[in-house]
Amino acid sequence: MTASGCGVSDFGVPEHGIPDCSDEVCITCSDTASEVTVICLLPGGLAVVDTGQGAEEVSVALVSAAAGDRVLVHAKEAIAVLPQ
């Protein structure tokens, strides 16, 4: 589905599947990481975290996190464990 026949989908993604990044930030998440608290660990390197607005499932495969840890999450991937 394209907008104006210019080869860009109505969602801002070119028909060839590569996002059209015209800014210097990620168009999906604005290049920000969010601080969340790990509620519990799940199998497969996943965890349930408290975002402050509800629970969400994220990957913790790149970090050594435990329940109660505060982690930074970017694009549903924990990228750092914050000091206590």
N, C-alpha and C. Protein backbone atom coordinates (compact mmCIF):
# COMPACT_ATOMS: atom_id res chain seq x y z
N MET A 1 0.85 -1.18 0.00
CA MET A 1 0.00 0.00 0.00
C MET A 1 0.89 1.23 0.00
N THR A 2 0.74 2.07 -0.99
CA THR A 2 1.62 3.23 -1.08
C THR A 2 0.83 4.52 -0.98
N ALA A 3 1.54 5.55 -0.58
CA ALA A 3 0.95 6.88 -0.50
C ALA A 3 1.43 7.69 -1.70
N SER A 4 0.53 8.22 -2.46
CA SER A 4 0.84 9.10 -3.59
C SER A 4 1.68 8.43 -4.66
N GLY A 5 1.78 7.09 -4.66
CA GLY A 5 2.55 6.40 -5.69
C GLY A 5 4.03 6.71 -5.66
N CYS A 6 4.58 7.15 -4.51
CA CYS A 6 5.99 7.54 -4.45
C CYS A 6 6.89 6.42 -3.97
N GLY A 7 6.35 5.20 -3.80
CA GLY A 7 7.18 4.09 -3.36
C GLY A 7 7.34 4.00 -1.86
N VAL A 8 6.58 4.80 -1.13
CA VAL A 8 6.64 4.76 0.33
C VAL A 8 5.29 4.30 0.84
N SER A 9 5.30 3.31 1.74
CA SER A 9 4.03 2.82 2.28
C SER A 9 3.37 3.90 3.11
N ASP A 10 2.11 3.69 3.42
CA ASP A 10 1.38 4.63 4.27
C ASP A 10 1.99 4.71 5.66
N PHE A 11 2.89 3.78 5.99
CA PHE A 11 3.52 3.76 7.31
C PHE A 11 4.90 4.38 7.27
N GLY A 12 5.31 4.98 6.16
CA GLY A 12 6.61 5.63 6.08
C GLY A 12 7.75 4.70 5.76
N VAL A 13 7.44 3.47 5.34
CA VAL A 13 8.48 2.49 5.00
C VAL A 13 8.49 2.31 3.49
N PRO A 14 9.65 2.51 2.83
CA PRO A 14 9.72 2.30 1.39
C PRO A 14 9.28 0.88 1.04
N GLU A 15 8.78 0.70 -0.16
CA GLU A 15 8.26 -0.60 -0.57
C GLU A 15 9.31 -1.69 -0.49
N HIS A 16 10.58 -1.36 -0.58
CA HIS A 16 11.63 -2.37 -0.50
C HIS A 16 11.89 -2.82 0.93
N GLY A 17 11.17 -2.28 1.92
CA GLY A 17 11.24 -2.75 3.29
C GLY A 17 12.22 -2.06 4.20
N ILE A 18 13.02 -1.16 3.72
CA ILE A 18 14.00 -0.46 4.55
C ILE A 18 13.37 0.85 5.01
N PRO A 19 13.34 1.11 6.34
CA PRO A 19 12.74 2.35 6.82
C PRO A 19 13.40 3.58 6.22
N ASP A 20 12.62 4.59 5.96
CA ASP A 20 13.11 5.85 5.41
C ASP A 20 13.52 6.74 6.58
N CYS A 21 14.79 6.71 6.94
CA CYS A 21 15.29 7.47 8.08
C CYS A 21 15.85 8.80 7.58
N SER A 22 15.06 9.84 7.69
CA SER A 22 15.51 11.14 7.24
C SER A 22 16.07 11.97 8.39
N ASP A 23 15.82 11.55 9.61
CA ASP A 23 16.34 12.25 10.78
C ASP A 23 17.53 11.48 11.33
N GLU A 24 18.19 12.04 12.34
CA GLU A 24 19.33 11.38 12.94
C GLU A 24 18.94 10.55 14.15
N VAL A 25 17.66 10.17 14.26
CA VAL A 25 17.19 9.32 15.35
C VAL A 25 16.40 8.16 14.78
N CYS A 26 16.28 7.10 15.56
CA CYS A 26 15.51 5.93 15.17
C CYS A 26 14.04 6.33 15.01
N ILE A 27 13.43 5.99 13.87
CA ILE A 27 12.04 6.37 13.66
C ILE A 27 11.07 5.53 14.48
N THR A 28 11.56 4.40 15.00
CA THR A 28 10.71 3.53 15.79
C THR A 28 10.62 3.99 17.24
N CYS A 29 11.76 4.34 17.85
CA CYS A 29 11.74 4.62 19.28
C CYS A 29 12.48 5.90 19.66
N SER A 30 12.85 6.70 18.71
CA SER A 30 13.51 7.99 18.95
C SER A 30 14.85 7.87 19.67
N ASP A 31 15.49 6.70 19.56
CA ASP A 31 16.81 6.48 20.15
C ASP A 31 16.85 6.70 21.65
N THR A 32 15.78 6.40 22.35
CA THR A 32 15.78 6.55 23.79
C THR A 32 15.70 5.19 24.47
N ALA A 33 16.26 5.11 25.65
CA ALA A 33 16.13 3.92 26.48
C ALA A 33 15.28 4.31 27.68
N SER A 34 14.45 3.37 28.11
CA SER A 34 13.56 3.64 29.24
C SER A 34 14.02 2.84 30.45
N GLU A 35 13.96 3.48 31.62
CA GLU A 35 14.30 2.80 32.87
C GLU A 35 13.07 2.04 33.35
N VAL A 36 13.24 0.73 33.58
CA VAL A 36 12.15 -0.12 34.05
C VAL A 36 12.68 -1.01 35.18
N THR A 37 11.78 -1.67 35.89
CA THR A 37 12.16 -2.57 36.97
C THR A 37 11.74 -3.99 36.61
N VAL A 38 12.65 -4.92 36.75
CA VAL A 38 12.37 -6.32 36.45
C VAL A 38 11.45 -6.88 37.53
N ILE A 39 10.31 -7.41 37.10
CA ILE A 39 9.37 -8.05 38.03
C ILE A 39 9.74 -9.52 38.21
N CYS A 40 9.93 -10.23 37.09
CA CYS A 40 10.33 -11.63 37.15
C CYS A 40 10.99 -12.04 35.85
N LEU A 41 11.84 -13.06 35.94
CA LEU A 41 12.50 -13.60 34.77
C LEU A 41 11.66 -14.73 34.19
N LEU A 42 11.67 -14.85 32.86
CA LEU A 42 10.97 -15.90 32.14
C LEU A 42 11.98 -16.75 31.39
N PRO A 43 11.59 -17.93 30.95
CA PRO A 43 12.51 -18.74 30.13
C PRO A 43 12.85 -18.02 28.82
N GLY A 44 13.96 -18.40 28.23
CA GLY A 44 14.32 -17.87 26.92
C GLY A 44 14.93 -16.49 26.93
N GLY A 45 15.49 -16.06 28.07
CA GLY A 45 16.12 -14.75 28.14
C GLY A 45 15.14 -13.60 28.14
N LEU A 46 13.92 -13.86 28.62
CA LEU A 46 12.89 -12.81 28.67
C LEU A 46 12.59 -12.44 30.11
N ALA A 47 11.94 -11.32 30.29
CA ALA A 47 11.54 -10.88 31.63
C ALA A 47 10.27 -10.06 31.52
N VAL A 48 9.52 -10.03 32.60
CA VAL A 48 8.39 -9.12 32.73
C VAL A 48 8.91 -7.94 33.53
N VAL A 49 8.68 -6.73 33.02
CA VAL A 49 9.17 -5.53 33.68
C VAL A 49 8.01 -4.59 33.97
N ASP A 50 8.21 -3.74 34.98
CA ASP A 50 7.26 -2.69 35.32
C ASP A 50 7.75 -1.41 34.67
N THR A 51 6.96 -0.87 33.76
CA THR A 51 7.34 0.35 33.04
C THR A 51 6.89 1.62 33.75
N GLY A 52 6.14 1.46 34.81
CA GLY A 52 5.55 2.62 35.47
C GLY A 52 4.16 2.89 34.94
N GLN A 53 3.84 2.29 33.80
CA GLN A 53 2.51 2.42 33.21
C GLN A 53 1.89 1.05 33.00
N GLY A 54 2.54 0.01 33.51
CA GLY A 54 2.05 -1.35 33.35
C GLY A 54 3.19 -2.32 33.14
N ALA A 55 2.84 -3.59 33.01
CA ALA A 55 3.83 -4.65 32.80
C ALA A 55 4.05 -4.86 31.31
N GLU A 56 5.29 -5.22 30.97
CA GLU A 56 5.64 -5.46 29.58
C GLU A 56 6.70 -6.56 29.54
N GLU A 57 6.70 -7.37 28.50
CA GLU A 57 7.70 -8.42 28.33
C GLU A 57 8.82 -7.89 27.45
N VAL A 58 10.07 -8.06 27.92
CA VAL A 58 11.25 -7.61 27.17
C VAL A 58 12.31 -8.69 27.21
N SER A 59 13.30 -8.56 26.35
CA SER A 59 14.45 -9.46 26.35
C SER A 59 15.50 -8.95 27.33
N VAL A 60 16.05 -9.88 28.11
CA VAL A 60 17.17 -9.56 29.00
C VAL A 60 18.38 -10.43 28.64
N ALA A 61 18.39 -10.91 27.40
CA ALA A 61 19.44 -11.83 26.96
C ALA A 61 20.83 -11.21 26.95
N LEU A 62 20.92 -9.88 26.83
CA LEU A 62 22.22 -9.22 26.75
C LEU A 62 22.78 -8.78 28.09
N VAL A 63 22.01 -8.91 29.16
CA VAL A 63 22.45 -8.45 30.47
C VAL A 63 22.23 -9.53 31.52
N SER A 64 22.86 -9.38 32.66
CA SER A 64 22.64 -10.28 33.80
C SER A 64 21.72 -9.56 34.77
N ALA A 65 20.43 -9.77 34.62
CA ALA A 65 19.44 -9.09 35.44
C ALA A 65 18.72 -10.08 36.33
N ALA A 66 18.22 -9.58 37.44
CA ALA A 66 17.44 -10.39 38.39
C ALA A 66 16.20 -9.60 38.76
N ALA A 67 15.24 -10.30 39.34
CA ALA A 67 14.02 -9.63 39.81
C ALA A 67 14.40 -8.50 40.76
N GLY A 68 13.81 -7.34 40.59
CA GLY A 68 14.09 -6.17 41.41
C GLY A 68 15.12 -5.24 40.81
N ASP A 69 15.89 -5.71 39.83
CA ASP A 69 16.89 -4.85 39.19
C ASP A 69 16.21 -3.79 38.34
N ARG A 70 16.86 -2.62 38.28
CA ARG A 70 16.44 -1.58 37.35
C ARG A 70 17.32 -1.71 36.11
N VAL A 71 16.70 -1.74 34.93
CA VAL A 71 17.44 -1.89 33.68
C VAL A 71 17.00 -0.82 32.69
N LEU A 72 17.88 -0.52 31.75
CA LEU A 72 17.53 0.36 30.64
C LEU A 72 17.10 -0.52 29.48
N VAL A 73 15.96 -0.20 28.88
CA VAL A 73 15.42 -0.98 27.77
C VAL A 73 15.31 -0.09 26.54
N HIS A 74 15.81 -0.59 25.44
CA HIS A 74 15.73 0.09 24.15
C HIS A 74 15.20 -0.91 23.13
N ALA A 75 14.09 -0.59 22.50
CA ALA A 75 13.48 -1.45 21.48
C ALA A 75 13.20 -2.85 22.02
N LYS A 76 12.65 -2.90 23.24
CA LYS A 76 12.27 -4.16 23.91
C LYS A 76 13.46 -5.05 24.25
N GLU A 77 14.66 -4.47 24.32
CA GLU A 77 15.88 -5.20 24.68
C GLU A 77 16.56 -4.48 25.83
N ALA A 78 16.77 -5.19 26.95
CA ALA A 78 17.51 -4.59 28.07
C ALA A 78 18.96 -4.44 27.64
N ILE A 79 19.49 -3.23 27.79
CA ILE A 79 20.86 -2.96 27.33
C ILE A 79 21.82 -2.64 28.47
N ALA A 80 21.31 -2.45 29.69
CA ALA A 80 22.17 -2.18 30.83
C ALA A 80 21.41 -2.39 32.12
N VAL A 81 22.13 -2.90 33.13
CA VAL A 81 21.59 -3.00 34.48
C VAL A 81 22.10 -1.77 35.23
N LEU A 82 21.19 -1.04 35.85
CA LEU A 82 21.58 0.18 36.58
C LEU A 82 22.05 -0.16 37.98
N PRO A 83 23.00 0.62 38.50
CA PRO A 83 23.46 0.38 39.87
C PRO A 83 22.34 0.56 40.88
N GLN A 84 22.44 -0.18 41.99
CA GLN A 84 21.40 -0.11 43.04
C GLN A 84 21.40 1.22 43.67
